[in-house]
PDB file of N, CA and C in Angstrom:
ATOM      1  N   UNK A   1      43.013-104.437 -73.190  1.00  0.00           N
ATOM      2  CA  UNK A   1      42.457-103.697 -73.421  1.00  0.00           C
ATOM      3  C   UNK A   1      42.766-102.439 -74.297  1.00  0.00           C
ATOM      4  N   UNK A   2      44.609-101.797 -73.937  1.00  0.00           N
ATOM      5  CA  UNK A   2      44.592-101.300 -75.147  1.00  0.00           C
ATOM      6  C   UNK A   2      44.552-101.581 -76.211  1.00  0.00           C
ATOM      7  N   UNK A   3      45.059-103.051 -76.895  1.00  0.00           N
ATOM      8  CA  UNK A   3      44.977-103.745 -78.321  1.00  0.00           C
ATOM      9  C   UNK A   3      43.642-102.966 -78.819  1.00  0.00           C
ATOM     10  N   UNK A   4      42.592-104.102 -77.717  1.00  0.00           N
ATOM     11  CA  UNK A   4      41.297-104.059 -78.503  1.00  0.00           C
ATOM     12  C   UNK A   4      40.982-102.012 -79.032  1.00  0.00           C
ATOM     13  N   UNK A   5      40.900-101.662 -77.495  1.00  0.00           N
ATOM     14  CA  UNK A   5      40.028-100.387 -78.037  1.00  0.00           C
ATOM     15  C   UNK A   5      41.377 -99.015 -79.140  1.00  0.00           C
ATOM     16  N   UNK A   6      42.171 -99.393 -79.160  1.00  0.00           N
ATOM     17  CA  UNK A   6      43.446 -99.283 -80.021  1.00  0.00           C
ATOM     18  C   UNK A   6      42.457 -99.210 -81.704  1.00  0.00           C
ATOM     19  N   UNK A   7      41.761-100.179 -82.200  1.00  0.00           N
ATOM     20  CA  UNK A   7      41.499-100.668 -82.754  1.00  0.00           C
ATOM     21  C   UNK A   7      40.182-100.411 -83.261  1.00  0.00           C
ATOM     22  N   UNK A   8      39.295-100.153 -82.344  1.00  0.00           N
ATOM     23  CA  UNK A   8      38.309 -99.823 -82.607  1.00  0.00           C
ATOM     24  C   UNK A   8      37.993 -99.028 -82.795  1.00  0.00           C
ATOM     25  N   UNK A   9      36.911 -98.822 -83.883  1.00  0.00           N
ATOM     26  CA  UNK A   9      35.966 -97.569 -84.694  1.00  0.00           C
ATOM     27  C   UNK A   9      35.337 -96.685 -83.805  1.00  0.00           C
ATOM     28  N   UNK A  10      35.119 -97.212 -82.475  1.00  0.00           N
ATOM     29  CA  UNK A  10      34.414 -96.321 -81.591  1.00  0.00           C
ATOM     30  C   UNK A  10      34.835 -95.419 -80.674  1.00  0.00           C
ATOM     31  N   UNK A  11      34.504 -94.241 -80.231  1.00  0.00           N
ATOM     32  CA  UNK A  11      35.341 -93.229 -79.239  1.00  0.00           C
ATOM     33  C   UNK A  11      35.278 -93.914 -77.917  1.00  0.00           C
ATOM     34  N   UNK A  12      35.982 -93.841 -76.965  1.00  0.00           N
ATOM     35  CA  UNK A  12      35.991 -94.421 -75.801  1.00  0.00           C
ATOM     36  C   UNK A  12      36.303 -93.248 -74.525  1.00  0.00           C
ATOM     37  N   UNK A  13      36.315 -93.515 -73.928  1.00  0.00           N
ATOM     38  CA  UNK A  13      37.417 -92.808 -72.810  1.00  0.00           C
ATOM     39  C   UNK A  13      37.641 -93.671 -71.733  1.00  0.00           C
ATOM     40  N   UNK A  14      38.768 -93.886 -71.030  1.00  0.00           N
ATOM     41  CA  UNK A  14      38.985 -94.815 -70.774  1.00  0.00           C
ATOM     42  C   UNK A  14      39.413 -93.917 -69.073  1.00  0.00           C
ATOM     43  N   UNK A  15      38.888 -94.189 -67.602  1.00  0.00           N
ATOM     44  CA  UNK A  15      39.563 -93.148 -66.658  1.00  0.00           C
ATOM     45  C   UNK A  15      40.430 -94.730 -66.059  1.00  0.00           C
ATOM     46  N   UNK A  16      41.371 -94.329 -65.613  1.00  0.00           N
ATOM     47  CA  UNK A  16      42.358 -94.827 -64.968  1.00  0.00           C
ATOM     48  C   UNK A  16      43.221 -93.144 -63.798  1.00  0.00           C
ATOM     49  N   UNK A  17      44.404 -94.067 -63.523  1.00  0.00           N
ATOM     50  CA  UNK A  17      44.865 -93.678 -62.806  1.00  0.00           C
ATOM     51  C   UNK A  17      46.316 -92.913 -63.138  1.00  0.00           C
ATOM     52  N   UNK A  18      46.665 -91.248 -63.429  1.00  0.00           N
ATOM     53  CA  UNK A  18      47.793 -90.981 -63.942  1.00  0.00           C
ATOM     54  C   UNK A  18      49.364 -91.258 -63.159  1.00  0.00           C
ATOM     55  N   UNK A  19      48.830 -90.320 -61.535  1.00  0.00           N
ATOM     56  CA  UNK A  19      50.021 -90.464 -60.329  1.00  0.00           C
ATOM     57  C   UNK A  19      50.166 -89.975 -59.198  1.00  0.00           C
ATOM     58  N   UNK A  20      50.970 -90.483 -57.920  1.00  0.00           N
ATOM     59  CA  UNK A  20      50.129 -90.383 -56.791  1.00  0.00           C
ATOM     60  C   UNK A  20      51.654 -89.466 -56.358  1.00  0.00           C
ATOM     61  N   UNK A  21      52.155 -89.478 -54.834  1.00  0.00           N
ATOM     62  CA  UNK A  21      52.863 -89.220 -54.470  1.00  0.00           C
ATOM     63  C   UNK A  21      53.840 -89.693 -54.697  1.00  0.00           C
ATOM     64  N   UNK A  22      53.378 -91.415 -54.735  1.00  0.00           N
ATOM     65  CA  UNK A  22      54.956 -92.362 -54.350  1.00  0.00           C
ATOM     66  C   UNK A  22      55.146 -93.165 -55.646  1.00  0.00           C
ATOM     67  N   UNK A  23      53.927 -92.949 -56.854  1.00  0.00           N
ATOM     68  CA  UNK A  23      54.653 -93.481 -58.629  1.00  0.00           C
ATOM     69  C   UNK A  23      53.969 -92.860 -59.322  1.00  0.00           C
ATOM     70  N   UNK A  24      54.087 -93.439 -60.183  1.00  0.00           N
ATOM     71  CA  UNK A  24      53.297 -92.922 -62.032  1.00  0.00           C
ATOM     72  C   UNK A  24      53.277 -94.521 -62.841  1.00  0.00           C
ATOM     73  N   UNK A  25      51.736 -94.224 -63.079  1.00  0.00           N
ATOM     74  CA  UNK A  25      52.025 -94.974 -64.511  1.00  0.00           C
ATOM     75  C   UNK A  25      52.284 -94.715 -65.976  1.00  0.00           C
ATOM     76  N   UNK A  26      52.745 -95.779 -65.718  1.00  0.00           N
ATOM     77  CA  UNK A  26      54.160 -95.522 -66.621  1.00  0.00           C
ATOM     78  C   UNK A  26      53.245 -95.909 -67.735  1.00  0.00           C
ATOM     79  N   UNK A  27      51.903 -97.273 -67.780  1.00  0.00           N
ATOM     80  CA  UNK A  27      51.625 -97.825 -69.085  1.00  0.00           C
ATOM     81  C   UNK A  27      50.527 -95.829 -70.270  1.00  0.00           C
ATOM     82  N   UNK A  28      50.147 -94.550 -69.126  1.00  0.00           N
ATOM     83  CA  UNK A  28      49.902 -93.879 -69.865  1.00  0.00           C
ATOM     84  C   UNK A  28      51.363 -93.547 -71.206  1.00  0.00           C
ATOM     85  N   UNK A  29      52.872 -93.387 -70.727  1.00  0.00           N
ATOM     86  CA  UNK A  29      53.480 -92.860 -71.794  1.00  0.00           C
ATOM     87  C   UNK A  29      53.846 -93.601 -71.982  1.00  0.00           C
ATOM     88  N   UNK A  30      53.873 -94.894 -72.164  1.00  0.00           N
ATOM     89  CA  UNK A  30      54.234 -96.315 -73.146  1.00  0.00           C
ATOM     90  C   UNK A  30      52.921 -96.307 -73.822  1.00  0.00           C
ATOM     91  N   UNK A  31      52.066 -96.621 -73.538  1.00  0.00           N
ATOM     92  CA  UNK A  31      51.146 -97.754 -74.615  1.00  0.00           C
ATOM     93  C   UNK A  31      50.391 -96.624 -74.910  1.00  0.00           C
ATOM     94  N   UNK A  32      50.032 -95.123 -73.836  1.00  0.00           N
ATOM     95  CA  UNK A  32      48.316 -94.492 -74.776  1.00  0.00           C
ATOM     96  C   UNK A  32      48.680 -92.997 -74.810  1.00  0.00           C
ATOM     97  N   UNK A  33      49.828 -92.215 -75.190  1.00  0.00           N
ATOM     98  CA  UNK A  33      51.008 -91.379 -74.912  1.00  0.00           C
ATOM     99  C   UNK A  33      50.190 -90.743 -76.879  1.00  0.00           C
ATOM    100  N   UNK A  34      49.669 -92.413 -77.175  1.00  0.00           N
ATOM    101  CA  UNK A  34      49.136 -91.453 -78.642  1.00  0.00           C
ATOM    102  C   UNK A  34      47.762 -90.513 -78.609  1.00  0.00           C
ATOM    103  N   UNK A  35      46.862 -91.306 -77.744  1.00  0.00           N
ATOM    104  CA  UNK A  35      46.042 -90.356 -77.438  1.00  0.00           C
ATOM    105  C   UNK A  35      45.517 -89.358 -76.287  1.00  0.00           C
ATOM    106  N   UNK A  36      44.858 -88.772 -76.535  1.00  0.00           N
ATOM    107  CA  UNK A  36      44.252 -87.446 -75.706  1.00  0.00           C
ATOM    108  C   UNK A  36      44.225 -88.115 -74.202  1.00  0.00           C
ATOM    109  N   UNK A  37      44.865 -86.753 -73.213  1.00  0.00           N
ATOM    110  CA  UNK A  37      44.827 -87.168 -71.874  1.00  0.00           C
ATOM    111  C   UNK A  37      44.492 -86.096 -71.177  1.00  0.00           C
ATOM    112  N   UNK A  38      43.590 -86.169 -70.132  1.00  0.00           N
ATOM    113  CA  UNK A  38      43.189 -85.129 -69.257  1.00  0.00           C
ATOM    114  C   UNK A  38      43.007 -85.926 -67.903  1.00  0.00           C
ATOM    115  N   UNK A  39      43.392 -84.691 -67.009  1.00  0.00           N
ATOM    116  CA  UNK A  39      43.852 -84.979 -65.942  1.00  0.00           C
ATOM    117  C   UNK A  39      43.142 -84.024 -64.957  1.00  0.00           C
ATOM    118  N   UNK A  40      42.495 -84.541 -63.180  1.00  0.00           N
ATOM    119  CA  UNK A  40      42.460 -83.818 -62.671  1.00  0.00           C
ATOM    120  C   UNK A  40      42.809 -84.773 -61.015  1.00  0.00           C
ATOM    121  N   UNK A  41      43.070 -83.739 -60.518  1.00  0.00           N
ATOM    122  CA  UNK A  41      43.460 -83.492 -59.024  1.00  0.00           C
ATOM    123  C   UNK A  41      42.354 -84.062 -58.205  1.00  0.00           C
ATOM    124  N   UNK A  42      42.206 -85.598 -57.446  1.00  0.00           N
ATOM    125  CA  UNK A  42      41.420 -85.435 -56.365  1.00  0.00           C
ATOM    126  C   UNK A  42      41.877 -85.828 -55.629  1.00  0.00           C
ATOM    127  N   UNK A  43      41.210 -86.395 -54.290  1.00  0.00           N
ATOM    128  CA  UNK A  43      41.558 -86.620 -52.873  1.00  0.00           C
ATOM    129  C   UNK A  43      40.979 -88.317 -52.692  1.00  0.00           C
ATOM    130  N   UNK A  44      41.704 -89.257 -52.450  1.00  0.00           N
ATOM    131  CA  UNK A  44      41.658 -90.416 -52.134  1.00  0.00           C
ATOM    132  C   UNK A  44      41.136 -90.370 -51.085  1.00  0.00           C
ATOM    133  N   UNK A  45      39.633 -91.239 -50.490  1.00  0.00           N
ATOM    134  CA  UNK A  45      39.457 -91.037 -49.324  1.00  0.00           C
ATOM    135  C   UNK A  45      39.675 -92.468 -48.897  1.00  0.00           C
ATOM    136  N   UNK A  46      40.126 -93.562 -49.234  1.00  0.00           N
ATOM    137  CA  UNK A  46      39.721 -94.962 -48.870  1.00  0.00           C
ATOM    138  C   UNK A  46      41.451 -94.922 -48.317  1.00  0.00           C
ATOM    139  N   UNK A  47      41.948 -95.778 -47.140  1.00  0.00           N
ATOM    140  CA  UNK A  47      42.853 -96.077 -46.371  1.00  0.00           C
ATOM    141  C   UNK A  47      42.203 -95.894 -44.839  1.00  0.00           C
ATOM    142  N   UNK A  48      42.950 -97.393 -44.535  1.00  0.00           N
ATOM    143  CA  UNK A  48      42.211 -97.165 -42.679  1.00  0.00           C
ATOM    144  C   UNK A  48      42.800 -96.427 -41.617  1.00  0.00           C
ATOM    145  N   UNK A  49      43.508 -95.833 -42.565  1.00  0.00           N
ATOM    146  CA  UNK A  49      44.862 -94.606 -41.242  1.00  0.00           C
ATOM    147  C   UNK A  49      44.717 -93.310 -42.297  1.00  0.00           C
ATOM    148  N   UNK A  50      44.098 -92.456 -41.130  1.00  0.00           N
ATOM    149  CA  UNK A  50      43.678 -91.031 -42.521  1.00  0.00           C
ATOM    150  C   UNK A  50      44.901 -90.319 -43.186  1.00  0.00           C
ATOM    151  N   UNK A  51      46.471 -91.029 -42.064  1.00  0.00           N
ATOM    152  CA  UNK A  51      47.038 -90.365 -42.879  1.00  0.00           C
ATOM    153  C   UNK A  51      47.921 -90.758 -44.228  1.00  0.00           C
ATOM    154  N   UNK A  52      47.065 -92.011 -44.277  1.00  0.00           N
ATOM    155  CA  UNK A  52      47.293 -93.245 -45.989  1.00  0.00           C
ATOM    156  C   UNK A  52      46.259 -92.565 -46.597  1.00  0.00           C
ATOM    157  N   UNK A  53      45.741 -91.383 -46.792  1.00  0.00           N
ATOM    158  CA  UNK A  53      44.615 -90.926 -47.487  1.00  0.00           C
ATOM    159  C   UNK A  53      45.202 -89.621 -48.038  1.00  0.00           C
ATOM    160  N   UNK A  54      45.870 -89.761 -49.340  1.00  0.00           N
ATOM    161  CA  UNK A  54      46.794 -89.050 -50.161  1.00  0.00           C
ATOM    162  C   UNK A  54      45.687 -88.235 -51.355  1.00  0.00           C
ATOM    163  N   UNK A  55      46.531 -87.239 -52.128  1.00  0.00           N
ATOM    164  CA  UNK A  55      45.772 -86.680 -53.408  1.00  0.00           C
ATOM    165  C   UNK A  55      46.280 -87.521 -54.193  1.00  0.00           C
ATOM    166  N   UNK A  56      45.265 -87.831 -54.999  1.00  0.00           N
ATOM    167  CA  UNK A  56      46.374 -88.230 -56.841  1.00  0.00           C
ATOM    168  C   UNK A  56      45.797 -87.447 -58.085  1.00  0.00           C
ATOM    169  N   UNK A  57      46.419 -88.187 -58.686  1.00  0.00           N
ATOM    170  CA  UNK A  57      45.390 -87.791 -60.260  1.00  0.00           C
ATOM    171  C   UNK A  57      45.319 -88.353 -61.325  1.00  0.00           C
ATOM    172  N   UNK A  58      43.752 -88.294 -61.289  1.00  0.00           N
ATOM    173  CA  UNK A  58      43.214 -88.722 -62.201  1.00  0.00           C
ATOM    174  C   UNK A  58      43.620 -89.322 -63.560  1.00  0.00           C
ATOM    175  N   UNK A  59      43.542 -89.561 -64.383  1.00  0.00           N
ATOM    176  CA  UNK A  59      43.774 -89.526 -65.970  1.00  0.00           C
ATOM    177  C   UNK A  59      41.884 -89.743 -66.882  1.00  0.00           C
ATOM    178  N   UNK A  60      41.734 -89.625 -67.656  1.00  0.00           N
ATOM    179  CA  UNK A  60      40.482 -90.183 -68.922  1.00  0.00           C
ATOM    180  C   UNK A  60      41.749 -89.634 -70.300  1.00  0.00           C
ATOM    181  N   UNK A  61      41.308 -91.058 -70.144  1.00  0.00           N
ATOM    182  CA  UNK A  61      42.014 -91.732 -72.002  1.00  0.00           C
ATOM    183  C   UNK A  61      41.212 -91.070 -72.959  1.00  0.00           C
ATOM    184  N   UNK A  62      40.977 -90.903 -73.916  1.00  0.00           N
ATOM    185  CA  UNK A  62      40.577 -90.635 -74.721  1.00  0.00           C
ATOM    186  C   UNK A  62      40.796 -90.949 -76.263  1.00  0.00           C
ATOM    187  N   UNK A  63      39.911 -90.691 -77.237  1.00  0.00           N
ATOM    188  CA  UNK A  63      39.861 -91.229 -79.156  1.00  0.00           C
ATOM    189  C   UNK A  63      40.202 -90.069 -79.537  1.00  0.00           C
ATOM    190  N   UNK A  64      39.669 -89.309 -78.674  1.00  0.00           N
ATOM    191  CA  UNK A  64      38.892 -87.792 -79.812  1.00  0.00           C
ATOM    192  C   UNK A  64      39.260 -86.801 -78.876  1.00  0.00           C
ATOM    193  N   UNK A  65      39.620 -85.738 -79.519  1.00  0.00           N
ATOM    194  CA  UNK A  65      39.590 -84.646 -78.697  1.00  0.00           C
ATOM    195  C   UNK A  65      38.440 -84.169 -78.325  1.00  0.00           C
ATOM    196  N   UNK A  66      38.043 -83.740 -76.925  1.00  0.00           N
ATOM    197  CA  UNK A  66      36.607 -83.247 -76.268  1.00  0.00           C
ATOM    198  C   UNK A  66      36.330 -81.792 -77.054  1.00  0.00           C
ATOM    199  N   UNK A  67      35.223 -81.856 -76.593  1.00  0.00           N
ATOM    200  CA  UNK A  67      34.755 -80.168 -76.923  1.00  0.00           C
ATOM    201  C   UNK A  67      34.843 -79.630 -76.297  1.00  0.00           C
ATOM    202  N   UNK A  68      34.625 -78.272 -76.432  1.00  0.00           N
ATOM    203  CA  UNK A  68      34.743 -77.290 -74.439  1.00  0.00           C
ATOM    204  C   UNK A  68      33.301 -78.123 -73.946  1.00  0.00           C
ATOM    205  N   UNK A  69      32.524 -77.722 -73.308  1.00  0.00           N
ATOM    206  CA  UNK A  69      31.404 -78.001 -72.460  1.00  0.00           C
ATOM    207  C   UNK A  69      30.528 -76.932 -72.337  1.00  0.00           C
ATOM    208  N   UNK A  70      30.479 -75.850 -73.378  1.00  0.00           N
ATOM    209  CA  UNK A  70      29.200 -74.631 -72.971  1.00  0.00           C
ATOM    210  C   UNK A  70      29.112 -74.605 -75.118  1.00  0.00           C
ATOM    211  N   UNK A  71      30.196 -76.498 -75.812  1.00  0.00           N
ATOM    212  CA  UNK A  71      29.654 -76.130 -77.249  1.00  0.00           C
ATOM    213  C   UNK A  71      28.075 -76.829 -76.953  1.00  0.00           C
ATOM    214  N   UNK A  72      27.453 -76.461 -77.928  1.00  0.00           N
ATOM    215  CA  UNK A  72      26.196 -77.847 -78.124  1.00  0.00           C
ATOM    216  C   UNK A  72      26.653 -78.707 -79.190  1.00  0.00           C
ATOM    217  N   UNK A  73      25.882 -79.821 -78.551  1.00  0.00           N
ATOM    218  CA  UNK A  73      26.312 -81.562 -78.950  1.00  0.00           C
ATOM    219  C   UNK A  73      25.997 -81.604 -80.497  1.00  0.00           C
ATOM    220  N   UNK A  74      26.645 -82.115 -81.223  1.00  0.00           N
ATOM    221  CA  UNK A  74      26.682 -81.437 -82.862  1.00  0.00           C
ATOM    222  C   UNK A  74      25.400 -83.236 -83.440  1.00  0.00           C
ATOM    223  N   UNK A  75      25.562 -84.144 -82.465  1.00  0.00           N
ATOM    224  CA  UNK A  75      25.435 -85.441 -82.997  1.00  0.00           C
ATOM    225  C   UNK A  75      24.438 -85.993 -82.118  1.00  0.00           C
ATOM    226  N   UNK A  76      23.668 -85.132 -81.787  1.00  0.00           N
ATOM    227  CA  UNK A  76      22.126 -85.541 -80.263  1.00  0.00           C
ATOM    228  C   UNK A  76      21.195 -86.286 -80.766  1.00  0.00           C
ATOM    229  N   UNK A  77      20.668 -85.893 -82.417  1.00  0.00           N
ATOM    230  CA  UNK A  77      19.755 -86.492 -82.675  1.00  0.00           C
ATOM    231  C   UNK A  77      20.630 -88.093 -83.291  1.00  0.00           C
ATOM    232  N   UNK A  78      21.272 -88.551 -84.008  1.00  0.00           N
ATOM    233  CA  UNK A  78      21.592 -89.200 -83.852  1.00  0.00           C
ATOM    234  C   UNK A  78      21.985 -90.244 -82.846  1.00  0.00           C
ATOM    235  N   UNK A  79      22.052 -89.423 -81.641  1.00  0.00           N
ATOM    236  CA  UNK A  79      22.244 -90.425 -80.453  1.00  0.00           C
ATOM    237  C   UNK A  79      20.632 -91.062 -79.986  1.00  0.00           C
ATOM    238  N   UNK A  80      20.032 -90.118 -79.983  1.00  0.00           N
ATOM    239  CA  UNK A  80      18.402 -90.410 -79.619  1.00  0.00           C
ATOM    240  C   UNK A  80      17.998 -91.801 -80.602  1.00  0.00           C
ATOM    241  N   UNK A  81      18.268 -91.581 -81.891  1.00  0.00           N
ATOM    242  CA  UNK A  81      17.816 -92.529 -82.984  1.00  0.00           C
ATOM    243  C   UNK A  81      18.832 -93.802 -82.831  1.00  0.00           C
ATOM    244  N   UNK A  82      19.642 -93.772 -82.085  1.00  0.00           N
ATOM    245  CA  UNK A  82      20.592 -95.256 -81.753  1.00  0.00           C
ATOM    246  C   UNK A  82      19.507 -95.645 -80.150  1.00  0.00           C
ATOM    247  N   UNK A  83      19.269 -95.247 -79.489  1.00  0.00           N
ATOM    248  CA  UNK A  83      19.008 -95.009 -78.212  1.00  0.00           C
ATOM    249  C   UNK A  83      17.180 -95.898 -78.493  1.00  0.00           C
ATOM    250  N   UNK A  84      16.676 -94.786 -78.743  1.00  0.00           N
ATOM    251  CA  UNK A  84      14.901 -95.553 -79.963  1.00  0.00           C
ATOM    252  C   UNK A  84      15.348 -97.381 -80.196  1.00  0.00           C
ATOM    253  N   UNK A  85      16.603 -98.010 -81.182  1.00  0.00           N
ATOM    254  CA  UNK A  85      16.568 -99.250 -81.776  1.00  0.00           C
ATOM    255  C   UNK A  85      16.999 -99.557 -81.212  1.00  0.00           C
ATOM    256  N   UNK A  86      18.349 -99.114 -79.903  1.00  0.00           N
ATOM    257  CA  UNK A  86      18.047-100.441 -78.645  1.00  0.00           C
ATOM    258  C   UNK A  86      17.034-100.585 -78.053  1.00  0.00           C
ATOM    259  N   UNK A  87      15.832 -99.410 -77.723  1.00  0.00           N
ATOM    260  CA  UNK A  87      14.824 -99.734 -76.841  1.00  0.00           C
ATOM    261  C   UNK A  87      14.127-100.850 -77.617  1.00  0.00           C
ATOM    262  N   UNK A  88      13.585-100.750 -78.375  1.00  0.00           N
ATOM    263  CA  UNK A  88      12.989-101.658 -79.892  1.00  0.00           C
ATOM    264  C   UNK A  88      13.539-103.232 -79.743  1.00  0.00           C
ATOM    265  N   UNK A  89      14.978-103.115 -79.469  1.00  0.00           N
ATOM    266  CA  UNK A  89      15.561-104.313 -79.195  1.00  0.00           C
ATOM    267  C   UNK A  89      15.372-105.114 -77.226  1.00  0.00           C
ATOM    268  N   UNK A  90      15.167-104.352 -76.828  1.00  0.00           N
ATOM    269  CA  UNK A  90      14.776-105.523 -75.832  1.00  0.00           C
ATOM    270  C   UNK A  90      13.084-105.261 -75.276  1.00  0.00           C
ATOM    271  N   UNK A  91      12.355-104.868 -76.400  1.00  0.00           N
ATOM    272  CA  UNK A  91      10.976-104.832 -76.096  1.00  0.00           C
ATOM    273  C   UNK A  91      10.345-106.097 -76.286  1.00  0.00           C
TER     274      UNK A  91
END
């Protein structure tokens, strides 16, 4: 997946785990370090026993710098045109 995404001309966002209290995702430092990485802590609700349910850090890896959420999108018209073309393909 790393090879394919590294060579892709398209923008991408990959969701993966960053770390938890027991270990760290070493691929983020070895493979994905050249990309933008955003992290967000959340609680992991899976586990047979409640004491096994721990917080973890989620990572979003992307090949572009994300805009501030309050900025207006600049490519909205182009995106709508793309969706229209796809709709025509499946009609």
